Amino acid sequence: MKNHELTKIYSAAEPVSSDVMEATPERMIPELYGLVMAGGDSARMGVDKGLLDYHGIPQQDYVAQLLEPFVSEVFISRRKGQEAKTDLTVLEDTYSGLGPFGGLLSAFQYKASCAWFVVACDFPLLDPQALGQLVEARDPTAYATCFLDEKSLMPEPWVTILEPKIYPILLEYHKKGRSSLRGILVDYNVPVIRATDTDVLMNANTPEEAERLKKIISEKHL
């Protein structure tokens, strides 16, 4: 395990690969990388959501552990200049003012040929079964595969697998001043599945919501 001082931070301005490999039946299924979205300003929470402790470790590290069995490598997406506070590999945003959408653009700029399994830190009830369900349902010929948000009956953008063919669309939306991943998932009619356990998509954006979910987690462990 590396020391915090040795945490490797990549800048998307220095990408490993610039090739874009679209997933088609004639070509190999793109390699899957994990991206933990932990670069938000956590304004409503008041503290860094990636550093909240629901499971005995910072939430960003917990999400990374969940992703590890399903992906080749896991990255933590953080704002440029944001303190990492992790031993995991950090991918700094190179797009400012776009929120998590900038993290997606930065990830694809870093490696455009892979698919990205994107998971935000807002979902402390996520478990391996839920992520495995999404991987099993993955359609590499689509632009993405995601869960259904049962409240809005819309795609849940922040637990989703994005295929490399979506990258040009992200760039096009950015050029038009649009930064809604959910809007793209709707516009391109991506496959949406219902989570077997819909509670895993309960999120925490305020201290009150965080305490409620901590209580649920504690009760599950009794």
Foldseek 3Di string as FASTA:
>chain_A
DDDLVPAAEDELVAAPDDDADADDPVDDQFFEEEEEEQAAPLVQAVDRLQQDDLDNGGLSVVVLVLCVVPHPFYEYEHEVPDRDPDNGHYYYFPDPPQRVLSSVLSVCSNPLHHKYQAAYSFQPLDHNLQLVVQSVVDDSNAQKEAEALVVVRFGDQRGIIGHSVCNVVSVVCVVVVHRDPSVVCVVRVGHYHHGPDNSRPQGDSYPVSVVVVSVVSVVVVD
